[in-house]
Amino acid sequence: MLRTCFSTIGCPDWSFSEMIRHGTDSGFDGVEIRLVERETDLLSVPDFTSAALPQRRRELDDAGFLVSGLASSVAFDSPDPTERERQVVVGRAYLDLAAELNAGFVRVFGDVVREETGREATAHQVAEGLNRLGDYASTLQLQVIIETHGDYSQSDLVAETMDLVPSPSVGVLWDTHHPWRFHDEPLELTYTRLADRVIHTHWKDSVSRAAVHQETASTGASEQAHALMSGHRHADYVLFGGGEFPILDCLALLNDGGYDGWYSYEWEKMWHPEIESPELAFPMFPGKLRRLHATLGSS
């Protein structure tokens, strides 16, 4: 059965209870938590203290709503071993929180290949971080997933890194938009390289157009995104199904490949404040995706 969720990057001002209420009203099965009320460090969110977590679980259970996973800012592209060690510590804490929320995974980044590090060394240091987090995730029956994001939008770099990560507790988050938009990769090529490790997907839509002057609010949001994620890149996002992304082709690849993970709508409102509100954008996604998926002869 096709399961849909949304990233809270699309609803930066919502409280935890609003995520559940709006999410269920919009037809989603769950939520991928990236932030809560603009706080991207989930470890410091008041709703997720040890005292508050039992109430969060009750709210989710009462609504029949799931947390698909937690999207962290953990990244392993720093040339500083001390910083990479800190990232492992943060990643483990995120996995502990994911277990408390009955989530399935924690998202991390490879992110960028720095000139002083180079491609091969970057792949090895990212793989080391993934292996260490994967070992811990396996003790909790959870998964760590690396997103196709930044320089790691290139599927050959992701595949090269994953060849160094034998743990079954580590997989790939295929942001279906990023390799296609930022590197002109055919969907078939990306999926062929990553199919056996894909356990989660992000969905969005965009159009190609000449760069235009960005409003101050948008520029500030972009700077904040870059501060958290070195590999953040701009795209001209539009409501799902209103752009150029070949949605049906992508659905067919996943369907034919037997994919059974989440379909997560990542409406980047936090980083692109000029785009439409989540109240408008979110309800369009679950129904549209399910109707398109039904045309493939599968439900």
C-alpha atoms as a PDB file:
ATOM      1  CA  MET A   1       0.000   0.000   0.000  1.00  0.00           C
ATOM      2  CA  LEU A   2       1.308   3.439  -0.926  1.00  0.00           C
ATOM      3  CA  ARG A   3       2.098   5.498   2.188  1.00  0.00           C
ATOM      4  CA  THR A   4       2.429   9.286   2.027  1.00  0.00           C
ATOM      5  CA  CYS A   5       3.938  11.705   4.503  1.00  0.00           C
ATOM      6  CA  PHE A   6       5.144  15.284   4.456  1.00  0.00           C
ATOM      7  CA  SER A   7       8.326  16.927   5.645  1.00  0.00           C
ATOM      8  CA  THR A   8       7.757  19.634   8.228  1.00  0.00           C
ATOM      9  CA  ILE A   9      10.114  21.842   6.212  1.00  0.00           C
ATOM     10  CA  GLY A  10       6.873  22.719   4.434  1.00  0.00           C
ATOM     11  CA  CYS A  11       5.052  23.948   7.541  1.00  0.00           C
ATOM     12  CA  PRO A  12       7.694  25.823   9.543  1.00  0.00           C
ATOM     13  CA  ASP A  13       5.228  27.576  11.862  1.00  0.00           C
ATOM     14  CA  TRP A  14       3.086  24.601  12.859  1.00  0.00           C
ATOM     15  CA  SER A  15       3.111  23.081  16.308  1.00  0.00           C
ATOM     16  CA  PHE A  16       3.310  19.323  16.787  1.00  0.00           C
ATOM     17  CA  SER A  17      -0.445  19.051  17.277  1.00  0.00           C
ATOM     18  CA  GLU A  18      -1.065  21.133  14.141  1.00  0.00           C
ATOM     19  CA  MET A  19       1.141  18.750  12.135  1.00  0.00           C
ATOM     20  CA  ILE A  20      -1.076  15.868  13.159  1.00  0.00           C
ATOM     21  CA  ARG A  21      -4.366  17.715  12.615  1.00  0.00           C
ATOM     22  CA  HIS A  22      -3.489  19.200   9.228  1.00  0.00           C
ATOM     23  CA  GLY A  23      -1.715  16.052   8.137  1.00  0.00           C
ATOM     24  CA  THR A  24      -4.659  13.769   8.771  1.00  0.00           C
ATOM     25  CA  ASP A  25      -7.086  16.290   7.266  1.00  0.00           C
ATOM     26  CA  SER A  26      -4.945  16.399   4.108  1.00  0.00           C
ATOM     27  CA  GLY A  27      -4.942  12.622   3.719  1.00  0.00           C
ATOM     28  CA  PHE A  28      -1.378  11.850   4.777  1.00  0.00           C
ATOM     29  CA  ASP A  29      -0.445   8.699   6.669  1.00  0.00           C
ATOM     30  CA  GLY A  30       2.414  10.269   8.599  1.00  0.00           C
ATOM     31  CA  VAL A  31       4.992  13.002   8.989  1.00  0.00           C
ATOM     32  CA  GLU A  32       8.744  13.292   8.462  1.00  0.00           C
ATOM     33  CA  ILE A  33       9.963  15.679  11.145  1.00  0.00           C
ATOM     34  CA  ARG A  34      12.621  18.161  10.024  1.00  0.00           C
ATOM     35  CA  LEU A  35      11.693  20.988  12.390  1.00  0.00           C
ATOM     36  CA  VAL A  36       9.051  22.081  14.856  1.00  0.00           C
ATOM     37  CA  GLU A  37       8.012  25.730  14.954  1.00  0.00           C
ATOM     38  CA  ARG A  38      11.186  26.697  13.041  1.00  0.00           C
ATOM     39  CA  GLU A  39      13.532  24.842  15.381  1.00  0.00           C
ATOM     40  CA  THR A  40      15.671  22.542  13.225  1.00  0.00           C
ATOM     41  CA  ASP A  41      17.553  21.027  16.168  1.00  0.00           C
ATOM     42  CA  LEU A  42      15.000  18.445  17.220  1.00  0.00           C
ATOM     43  CA  LEU A  43      17.076  17.562  20.273  1.00  0.00           C
ATOM     44  CA  SER A  44      16.216  20.965  21.766  1.00  0.00           C
ATOM     45  CA  VAL A  45      12.478  20.980  20.948  1.00  0.00           C
ATOM     46  CA  PRO A  46      10.426  21.233  24.174  1.00  0.00           C
ATOM     47  CA  ASP A  47       7.845  18.775  22.796  1.00  0.00           C
ATOM     48  CA  PHE A  48      10.553  16.082  22.680  1.00  0.00           C
ATOM     49  CA  THR A  49      11.860  16.174  26.245  1.00  0.00           C
ATOM     50  CA  SER A  50      11.703  12.909  28.142  1.00  0.00           C
ATOM     51  CA  ALA A  51       8.797  14.280  30.176  1.00  0.00           C
ATOM     52  CA  ALA A  52       6.834  15.333  27.083  1.00  0.00           C
ATOM     53  CA  LEU A  53       7.394  12.312  24.851  1.00  0.00           C
ATOM     54  CA  PRO A  54       4.670  10.076  26.365  1.00  0.00           C
ATOM     55  CA  GLN A  55       2.085  12.726  25.474  1.00  0.00           C
ATOM     56  CA  ARG A  56       3.457  12.980  21.917  1.00  0.00           C
ATOM     57  CA  ARG A  57       3.109   9.242  21.503  1.00  0.00           C
ATOM     58  CA  ARG A  58      -0.476   9.348  22.787  1.00  0.00           C
ATOM     59  CA  GLU A  59      -1.343  12.116  20.324  1.00  0.00           C
ATOM     60  CA  LEU A  60       0.064  10.105  17.448  1.00  0.00           C
ATOM     61  CA  ASP A  61      -1.674   6.901  18.540  1.00  0.00           C
ATOM     62  CA  ASP A  62      -5.027   8.634  19.051  1.00  0.00           C
ATOM     63  CA  ALA A  63      -4.848  10.037  15.509  1.00  0.00           C
ATOM     64  CA  GLY A  64      -3.537   6.836  13.922  1.00  0.00           C
ATOM     65  CA  PHE A  65      -0.704   8.961  12.571  1.00  0.00           C
ATOM     66  CA  LEU A  66       2.917   7.854  12.165  1.00  0.00           C
ATOM     67  CA  VAL A  67       6.314   9.504  12.287  1.00  0.00           C
ATOM     68  CA  SER A  68       8.050   8.106   9.213  1.00  0.00           C
ATOM     69  CA  GLY A  69      11.443   9.385  10.344  1.00  0.00           C
ATOM     70  CA  LEU A  70      13.525  12.279  11.631  1.00  0.00           C
ATOM     71  CA  ALA A  71      15.460  14.505   9.220  1.00  0.00           C
ATOM     72  CA  SER A  72      18.637  15.688  10.911  1.00  0.00           C
ATOM     73  CA  SER A  73      21.309  18.125   9.756  1.00  0.00           C
ATOM     74  CA  VAL A  74      24.048  15.584  10.507  1.00  0.00           C
ATOM     75  CA  ALA A  75      26.684  15.631   7.753  1.00  0.00           C
ATOM     76  CA  PHE A  76      30.065  14.000   7.287  1.00  0.00           C
ATOM     77  CA  ASP A  77      31.734  16.330   4.786  1.00  0.00           C
ATOM     78  CA  SER A  78      33.859  18.267   7.283  1.00  0.00           C
ATOM     79  CA  PRO A  79      37.629  17.795   6.915  1.00  0.00           C
ATOM     80  CA  ASP A  80      37.907  18.070  10.722  1.00  0.00           C
ATOM     81  CA  PRO A  81      37.832  14.641  12.451  1.00  0.00           C
ATOM     82  CA  THR A  82      36.676  16.256  15.707  1.00  0.00           C
ATOM     83  CA  GLU A  83      33.658  17.760  13.933  1.00  0.00           C
ATOM     84  CA  ARG A  84      32.827  14.453  12.276  1.00  0.00           C
ATOM     85  CA  GLU A  85      32.989  12.775  15.689  1.00  0.00           C
ATOM     86  CA  ARG A  86      30.543  15.379  17.002  1.00  0.00           C
ATOM     87  CA  GLN A  87      28.222  14.579  14.114  1.00  0.00           C
ATOM     88  CA  VAL A  88      28.243  10.891  15.066  1.00  0.00           C
ATOM     89  CA  VAL A  89      27.286  11.801  18.642  1.00  0.00           C
ATOM     90  CA  VAL A  90      24.413  13.982  17.391  1.00  0.00           C
ATOM     91  CA  GLY A  91      23.314  11.232  15.010  1.00  0.00           C
ATOM     92  CA  ARG A  92      23.125   8.714  17.829  1.00  0.00           C
ATOM     93  CA  ALA A  93      21.006  11.112  19.894  1.00  0.00           C
ATOM     94  CA  TYR A  94      18.654  11.513  16.916  1.00  0.00           C
ATOM     95  CA  LEU A  95      18.369   7.735  16.666  1.00  0.00           C
ATOM     96  CA  ASP A  96      17.439   7.574  20.345  1.00  0.00           C
ATOM     97  CA  LEU A  97      14.730  10.195  19.755  1.00  0.00           C
ATOM     98  CA  ALA A  98      13.505   8.336  16.655  1.00  0.00           C
ATOM     99  CA  ALA A  99      13.095   5.195  18.763  1.00  0.00           C
ATOM    100  CA  GLU A 100      11.038   7.142  21.327  1.00  0.00           C
ATOM    101  CA  LEU A 101       8.706   8.372  18.548  1.00  0.00           C
ATOM    102  CA  ASN A 102       8.447   4.933  16.896  1.00  0.00           C
ATOM    103  CA  ALA A 103       9.996   6.417  13.761  1.00  0.00           C
ATOM    104  CA  GLY A 104      11.793   4.267  11.220  1.00  0.00           C
ATOM    105  CA  PHE A 105      14.902   6.240  10.312  1.00  0.00           C
ATOM    106  CA  VAL A 106      17.178   9.230  10.731  1.00  0.00           C
ATOM    107  CA  ARG A 107      18.211  11.188   7.629  1.00  0.00           C
ATOM    108  CA  VAL A 108      21.814  12.397   7.313  1.00  0.00           C
ATOM    109  CA  PHE A 109      23.903  14.065   4.608  1.00  0.00           C
ATOM    110  CA  GLY A 110      27.141  13.321   2.824  1.00  0.00           C
ATOM    111  CA  ASP A 111      26.768  16.741   1.404  1.00  0.00           C
ATOM    112  CA  VAL A 112      29.701  18.394  -0.409  1.00  0.00           C
ATOM    113  CA  VAL A 113      33.089  17.372  -1.749  1.00  0.00           C
ATOM    114  CA  ARG A 114      35.482  19.973  -0.425  1.00  0.00           C
ATOM    115  CA  GLU A 115      38.516  20.913  -2.491  1.00  0.00           C
ATOM    116  CA  GLU A 116      40.904  20.229   0.377  1.00  0.00           C
ATOM    117  CA  THR A 117      39.457  16.743   0.862  1.00  0.00           C
ATOM    118  CA  GLY A 118      38.743  15.457  -2.640  1.00  0.00           C
ATOM    119  CA  ARG A 119      36.211  12.936  -3.857  1.00  0.00           C
ATOM    120  CA  GLU A 120      37.809   9.658  -2.780  1.00  0.00           C
ATOM    121  CA  ALA A 121      38.628  10.806   0.746  1.00  0.00           C
ATOM    122  CA  THR A 122      35.164  12.314   1.099  1.00  0.00           C
ATOM    123  CA  ALA A 123      33.540   9.021   0.128  1.00  0.00           C
ATOM    124  CA  HIS A 124      35.608   7.179   2.722  1.00  0.00           C
ATOM    125  CA  GLN A 125      34.925   9.624   5.559  1.00  0.00           C
ATOM    126  CA  VAL A 126      31.195   9.724   4.779  1.00  0.00           C
ATOM    127  CA  ALA A 127      31.156   5.925   4.666  1.00  0.00           C
ATOM    128  CA  GLU A 128      32.887   5.804   8.045  1.00  0.00           C
ATOM    129  CA  GLY A 129      30.203   8.023   9.575  1.00  0.00           C
ATOM    130  CA  LEU A 130      27.435   5.966   8.020  1.00  0.00           C
ATOM    131  CA  ASN A 131      28.935   2.698   9.204  1.00  0.00           C
ATOM    132  CA  ARG A 132      29.256   3.969  12.766  1.00  0.00           C
ATOM    133  CA  LEU A 133      25.696   5.262  12.864  1.00  0.00           C
ATOM    134  CA  GLY A 134      24.468   2.123  11.134  1.00  0.00           C
ATOM    135  CA  ASP A 135      26.003  -0.058  13.833  1.00  0.00           C
ATOM    136  CA  TYR A 136      24.130   1.910  16.487  1.00  0.00           C
ATOM    137  CA  ALA A 137      20.893   2.028  14.471  1.00  0.00           C
ATOM    138  CA  SER A 138      20.898  -1.760  14.206  1.00  0.00           C
ATOM    139  CA  THR A 139      20.694  -2.054  18.004  1.00  0.00           C
ATOM    140  CA  LEU A 140      17.455  -0.036  17.887  1.00  0.00           C
ATOM    141  CA  GLN A 141      15.978  -1.728  14.778  1.00  0.00           C
ATOM    142  CA  LEU A 142      16.235   1.611  12.971  1.00  0.00           C
ATOM    143  CA  GLN A 143      17.840   2.795   9.764  1.00  0.00           C
ATOM    144  CA  VAL A 144      20.160   5.624   8.804  1.00  0.00           C
ATOM    145  CA  ILE A 145      19.567   7.085   5.356  1.00  0.00           C
ATOM    146  CA  ILE A 146      21.798   9.379   3.304  1.00  0.00           C
ATOM    147  CA  GLU A 147      20.001  11.832   1.049  1.00  0.00           C
ATOM    148  CA  THR A 148      20.748  12.643  -2.586  1.00  0.00           C
ATOM    149  CA  HIS A 149      21.553  16.236  -1.663  1.00  0.00           C
ATOM    150  CA  GLY A 150      24.311  18.705  -2.503  1.00  0.00           C
ATOM    151  CA  ASP A 151      27.220  17.052  -4.303  1.00  0.00           C
ATOM    152  CA  TYR A 152      25.655  13.800  -3.151  1.00  0.00           C
ATOM    153  CA  SER A 153      22.837  14.485  -5.589  1.00  0.00           C
ATOM    154  CA  GLN A 154      25.181  12.762  -8.034  1.00  0.00           C
ATOM    155  CA  SER A 155      24.124   9.139  -7.876  1.00  0.00           C
ATOM    156  CA  ASP A 156      27.551   7.819  -8.857  1.00  0.00           C
ATOM    157  CA  LEU A 157      29.045   9.447  -5.740  1.00  0.00           C
ATOM    158  CA  VAL A 158      26.275   8.010  -3.576  1.00  0.00           C
ATOM    159  CA  ALA A 159      26.793   4.545  -5.085  1.00  0.00           C
ATOM    160  CA  GLU A 160      30.572   4.788  -4.654  1.00  0.00           C
ATOM    161  CA  THR A 161      30.113   5.679  -0.990  1.00  0.00           C
ATOM    162  CA  MET A 162      27.472   3.018  -0.345  1.00  0.00           C
ATOM    163  CA  ASP A 163      29.827   0.363  -1.762  1.00  0.00           C
ATOM    164  CA  LEU A 164      31.899   1.095   1.361  1.00  0.00           C
ATOM    165  CA  VAL A 165      28.901   0.663   3.688  1.00  0.00           C
ATOM    166  CA  PRO A 166      27.931  -2.998   4.114  1.00  0.00           C
ATOM    167  CA  SER A 167      25.464  -2.417   6.961  1.00  0.00           C
ATOM    168  CA  PRO A 168      21.845  -3.323   6.091  1.00  0.00           C
ATOM    169  CA  SER A 169      20.850  -0.605   8.573  1.00  0.00           C
ATOM    170  CA  VAL A 170      22.099   2.097   6.166  1.00  0.00           C
ATOM    171  CA  GLY A 171      20.155   3.047   3.071  1.00  0.00           C
ATOM    172  CA  VAL A 172      19.491   5.859   0.626  1.00  0.00           C
ATOM    173  CA  LEU A 173      16.898   8.609   0.655  1.00  0.00           C
ATOM    174  CA  TRP A 174      16.286   9.243  -3.025  1.00  0.00           C
ATOM    175  CA  ASP A 175      15.218  12.845  -3.355  1.00  0.00           C
ATOM    176  CA  THR A 176      13.766  12.145  -6.761  1.00  0.00           C
ATOM    177  CA  HIS A 177      14.005  15.794  -7.818  1.00  0.00           C
ATOM    178  CA  HIS A 178      17.630  16.630  -6.998  1.00  0.00           C
ATOM    179  CA  PRO A 179      19.713  14.399  -9.333  1.00  0.00           C
ATOM    180  CA  TRP A 180      17.255  15.085 -12.161  1.00  0.00           C
ATOM    181  CA  ARG A 181      17.184  18.875 -11.705  1.00  0.00           C
ATOM    182  CA  PHE A 182      20.708  19.701 -10.552  1.00  0.00           C
ATOM    183  CA  HIS A 183      22.728  17.150 -12.546  1.00  0.00           C
ATOM    184  CA  ASP A 184      20.435  16.343 -15.478  1.00  0.00           C
ATOM    185  CA  GLU A 185      20.466  12.686 -14.526  1.00  0.00           C
ATOM    186  CA  PRO A 186      17.841  10.526 -16.220  1.00  0.00           C
ATOM    187  CA  LEU A 187      15.606   8.974 -13.583  1.00  0.00           C
ATOM    188  CA  GLU A 188      16.391   5.499 -14.920  1.00  0.00           C
ATOM    189  CA  LEU A 189      20.123   6.004 -14.418  1.00  0.00           C
ATOM    190  CA  THR A 190      19.728   7.275 -10.864  1.00  0.00           C
ATOM    191  CA  TYR A 191      17.410   4.453  -9.892  1.00  0.00           C
ATOM    192  CA  THR A 192      19.574   1.787 -11.506  1.00  0.00           C
ATOM    193  CA  ARG A 193      22.546   2.929  -9.449  1.00  0.00           C
ATOM    194  CA  LEU A 194      20.673   3.196  -6.142  1.00  0.00           C
ATOM    195  CA  ALA A 195      17.641   0.894  -6.355  1.00  0.00           C
ATOM    196  CA  ASP A 196      18.891  -1.829  -4.030  1.00  0.00           C
ATOM    197  CA  ARG A 197      19.530   0.675  -1.212  1.00  0.00           C
ATOM    198  CA  VAL A 198      16.570   3.098  -1.588  1.00  0.00           C
ATOM    199  CA  ILE A 199      14.337   2.981   1.485  1.00  0.00           C
ATOM    200  CA  HIS A 200      12.733   6.446   1.467  1.00  0.00           C
ATOM    201  CA  THR A 201      11.830   9.036  -1.171  1.00  0.00           C
ATOM    202  CA  HIS A 202      11.313  12.805  -1.330  1.00  0.00           C
ATOM    203  CA  TRP A 203       9.015  14.396  -3.877  1.00  0.00           C
ATOM    204  CA  LYS A 204       8.778  17.945  -5.193  1.00  0.00           C
ATOM    205  CA  ASP A 205       8.248  19.742  -8.495  1.00  0.00           C
ATOM    206  CA  SER A 206       9.925  22.727 -10.156  1.00  0.00           C
ATOM    207  CA  VAL A 207      10.256  24.669 -13.375  1.00  0.00           C
ATOM    208  CA  SER A 208      13.237  25.977 -15.325  1.00  0.00           C
ATOM    209  CA  ARG A 209      13.465  29.715 -15.632  1.00  0.00           C
ATOM    210  CA  ALA A 210      16.064  32.438 -15.646  1.00  0.00           C
ATOM    211  CA  ALA A 211      17.273  33.599 -12.262  1.00  0.00           C
ATOM    212  CA  VAL A 212      15.287  36.517 -10.900  1.00  0.00           C
ATOM    213  CA  HIS A 213      15.942  38.937  -8.078  1.00  0.00           C
ATOM    214  CA  GLN A 214      15.164  37.270  -4.749  1.00  0.00           C
ATOM    215  CA  GLU A 215      13.320  39.144  -2.041  1.00  0.00           C
ATOM    216  CA  THR A 216      15.191  39.805   1.198  1.00  0.00           C
ATOM    217  CA  ALA A 217      13.153  37.198   3.086  1.00  0.00           C
ATOM    218  CA  SER A 218      14.024  34.546   0.519  1.00  0.00           C
ATOM    219  CA  THR A 219      17.694  35.476   0.604  1.00  0.00           C
ATOM    220  CA  GLY A 220      17.771  35.254   4.378  1.00  0.00           C
ATOM    221  CA  ALA A 221      16.082  31.856   4.324  1.00  0.00           C
ATOM    222  CA  SER A 222      18.565  30.612   1.734  1.00  0.00           C
ATOM    223  CA  GLU A 223      21.477  31.764   3.874  1.00  0.00           C
ATOM    224  CA  GLN A 224      20.018  29.899   6.836  1.00  0.00           C
ATOM    225  CA  ALA A 225      19.678  26.769   4.719  1.00  0.00           C
ATOM    226  CA  HIS A 226      23.299  27.014   3.588  1.00  0.00           C
ATOM    227  CA  ALA A 227      24.434  27.431   7.193  1.00  0.00           C
ATOM    228  CA  LEU A 228      22.758  24.119   8.070  1.00  0.00           C
ATOM    229  CA  MET A 229      23.467  22.284   4.800  1.00  0.00           C
ATOM    230  CA  SER A 230      26.470  23.274   2.697  1.00  0.00           C
ATOM    231  CA  GLY A 231      24.979  21.538  -0.326  1.00  0.00           C
ATOM    232  CA  HIS A 232      21.671  23.428  -0.384  1.00  0.00           C
ATOM    233  CA  ARG A 233      20.794  24.582  -3.914  1.00  0.00           C
ATOM    234  CA  HIS A 234      18.082  26.822  -5.283  1.00  0.00           C
ATOM    235  CA  ALA A 235      15.251  25.612  -7.501  1.00  0.00           C
ATOM    236  CA  ASP A 236      12.065  27.298  -8.690  1.00  0.00           C
ATOM    237  CA  TYR A 237       9.543  25.143  -6.867  1.00  0.00           C
ATOM    238  CA  VAL A 238       5.902  24.919  -7.894  1.00  0.00           C
ATOM    239  CA  LEU A 239       2.885  23.041  -6.593  1.00  0.00           C
ATOM    240  CA  PHE A 240       3.109  19.315  -7.123  1.00  0.00           C
ATOM    241  CA  GLY A 241       2.135  18.349 -10.647  1.00  0.00           C
ATOM    242  CA  GLY A 242       2.426  21.927 -11.926  1.00  0.00           C
ATOM    243  CA  GLY A 243       6.041  21.738 -13.043  1.00  0.00           C
ATOM    244  CA  GLU A 244       8.401  19.718 -15.188  1.00  0.00           C
ATOM    245  CA  PHE A 245       9.264  16.760 -12.957  1.00  0.00           C
ATOM    246  CA  PRO A 246       8.247  13.449 -14.652  1.00  0.00           C
ATOM    247  CA  ILE A 247       6.167  12.146 -11.769  1.00  0.00           C
ATOM    248  CA  LEU A 248       4.554   9.197 -13.527  1.00  0.00           C
ATOM    249  CA  ASP A 249       7.865   7.950 -14.935  1.00  0.00           C
ATOM    250  CA  CYS A 250       9.370   8.021 -11.463  1.00  0.00           C
ATOM    251  CA  LEU A 251       6.403   6.238  -9.926  1.00  0.00           C
ATOM    252  CA  ALA A 252       6.663   3.545 -12.573  1.00  0.00           C
ATOM    253  CA  LEU A 253      10.343   2.927 -11.806  1.00  0.00           C
ATOM    254  CA  LEU A 254       9.640   2.510  -8.112  1.00  0.00           C
ATOM    255  CA  ASN A 255       6.543   0.405  -8.713  1.00  0.00           C
ATOM    256  CA  ASP A 256       8.341  -1.929 -11.092  1.00  0.00           C
ATOM    257  CA  GLY A 257      11.243  -2.173  -8.658  1.00  0.00           C
ATOM    258  CA  GLY A 258       8.990  -3.237  -5.775  1.00  0.00           C
ATOM    259  CA  TYR A 259       9.562  -0.149  -3.658  1.00  0.00           C
ATOM    260  CA  ASP A 260       7.492  -0.222  -0.465  1.00  0.00           C
ATOM    261  CA  GLY A 261       8.788   2.818   1.466  1.00  0.00           C
ATOM    262  CA  TRP A 262       7.301   6.230   2.115  1.00  0.00           C
ATOM    263  CA  TYR A 263       6.487   8.902  -0.464  1.00  0.00           C
ATOM    264  CA  SER A 264       7.358  12.117   1.360  1.00  0.00           C
ATOM    265  CA  TYR A 265       6.295  15.545   0.091  1.00  0.00           C
ATOM    266  CA  GLU A 266       9.102  18.027   0.715  1.00  0.00           C
ATOM    267  CA  TRP A 267       7.555  21.442   0.131  1.00  0.00           C
ATOM    268  CA  GLU A 268      10.493  23.728   0.996  1.00  0.00           C
ATOM    269  CA  LYS A 269       8.532  26.572   2.575  1.00  0.00           C
ATOM    270  CA  MET A 270      11.147  27.125   5.294  1.00  0.00           C
ATOM    271  CA  TRP A 271      13.853  27.901   2.729  1.00  0.00           C
ATOM    272  CA  HIS A 272      11.532  29.468   0.134  1.00  0.00           C
ATOM    273  CA  PRO A 273       9.074  31.675   2.052  1.00  0.00           C
ATOM    274  CA  GLU A 274       7.692  33.069  -1.204  1.00  0.00           C
ATOM    275  CA  ILE A 275       6.020  29.795  -2.210  1.00  0.00           C
ATOM    276  CA  GLU A 276       2.428  28.891  -1.338  1.00  0.00           C
ATOM    277  CA  SER A 277       1.282  28.039   2.169  1.00  0.00           C
ATOM    278  CA  PRO A 278       1.187  24.449   3.404  1.00  0.00           C
ATOM    279  CA  GLU A 279      -2.579  24.751   3.855  1.00  0.00           C
ATOM    280  CA  LEU A 280      -2.787  25.087   0.072  1.00  0.00           C
ATOM    281  CA  ALA A 281       0.114  22.873  -1.011  1.00  0.00           C
ATOM    282  CA  PHE A 282      -0.261  19.847   1.240  1.00  0.00           C
ATOM    283  CA  PRO A 283      -3.799  18.621   0.469  1.00  0.00           C
ATOM    284  CA  MET A 284      -2.960  18.321  -3.230  1.00  0.00           C
ATOM    285  CA  PHE A 285      -0.217  15.716  -2.792  1.00  0.00           C
ATOM    286  CA  PRO A 286      -1.672  12.474  -1.363  1.00  0.00           C
ATOM    287  CA  GLY A 287      -4.652  12.254  -3.683  1.00  0.00           C
ATOM    288  CA  LYS A 288      -2.727  13.224  -6.805  1.00  0.00           C
ATOM    289  CA  LEU A 289       0.046  10.740  -6.089  1.00  0.00           C
ATOM    290  CA  ARG A 290      -2.408   7.915  -5.388  1.00  0.00           C
ATOM    291  CA  ARG A 291      -4.398   8.632  -8.559  1.00  0.00           C
ATOM    292  CA  LEU A 292      -1.254   8.556 -10.666  1.00  0.00           C
ATOM    293  CA  HIS A 293      -0.020   5.436  -8.928  1.00  0.00           C
ATOM    294  CA  ALA A 294      -3.354   3.715  -9.586  1.00  0.00           C
ATOM    295  CA  THR A 295      -2.840   4.166 -13.323  1.00  0.00           C
ATOM    296  CA  LEU A 296       0.136   1.798 -13.032  1.00  0.00           C
ATOM    297  CA  GLY A 297      -2.184  -1.003 -12.003  1.00  0.00           C
ATOM    298  CA  SER A 298      -1.040  -1.072  -8.376  1.00  0.00           C
ATOM    299  CA  SER A 299      -2.476   0.370  -5.169  1.00  0.00           C
END
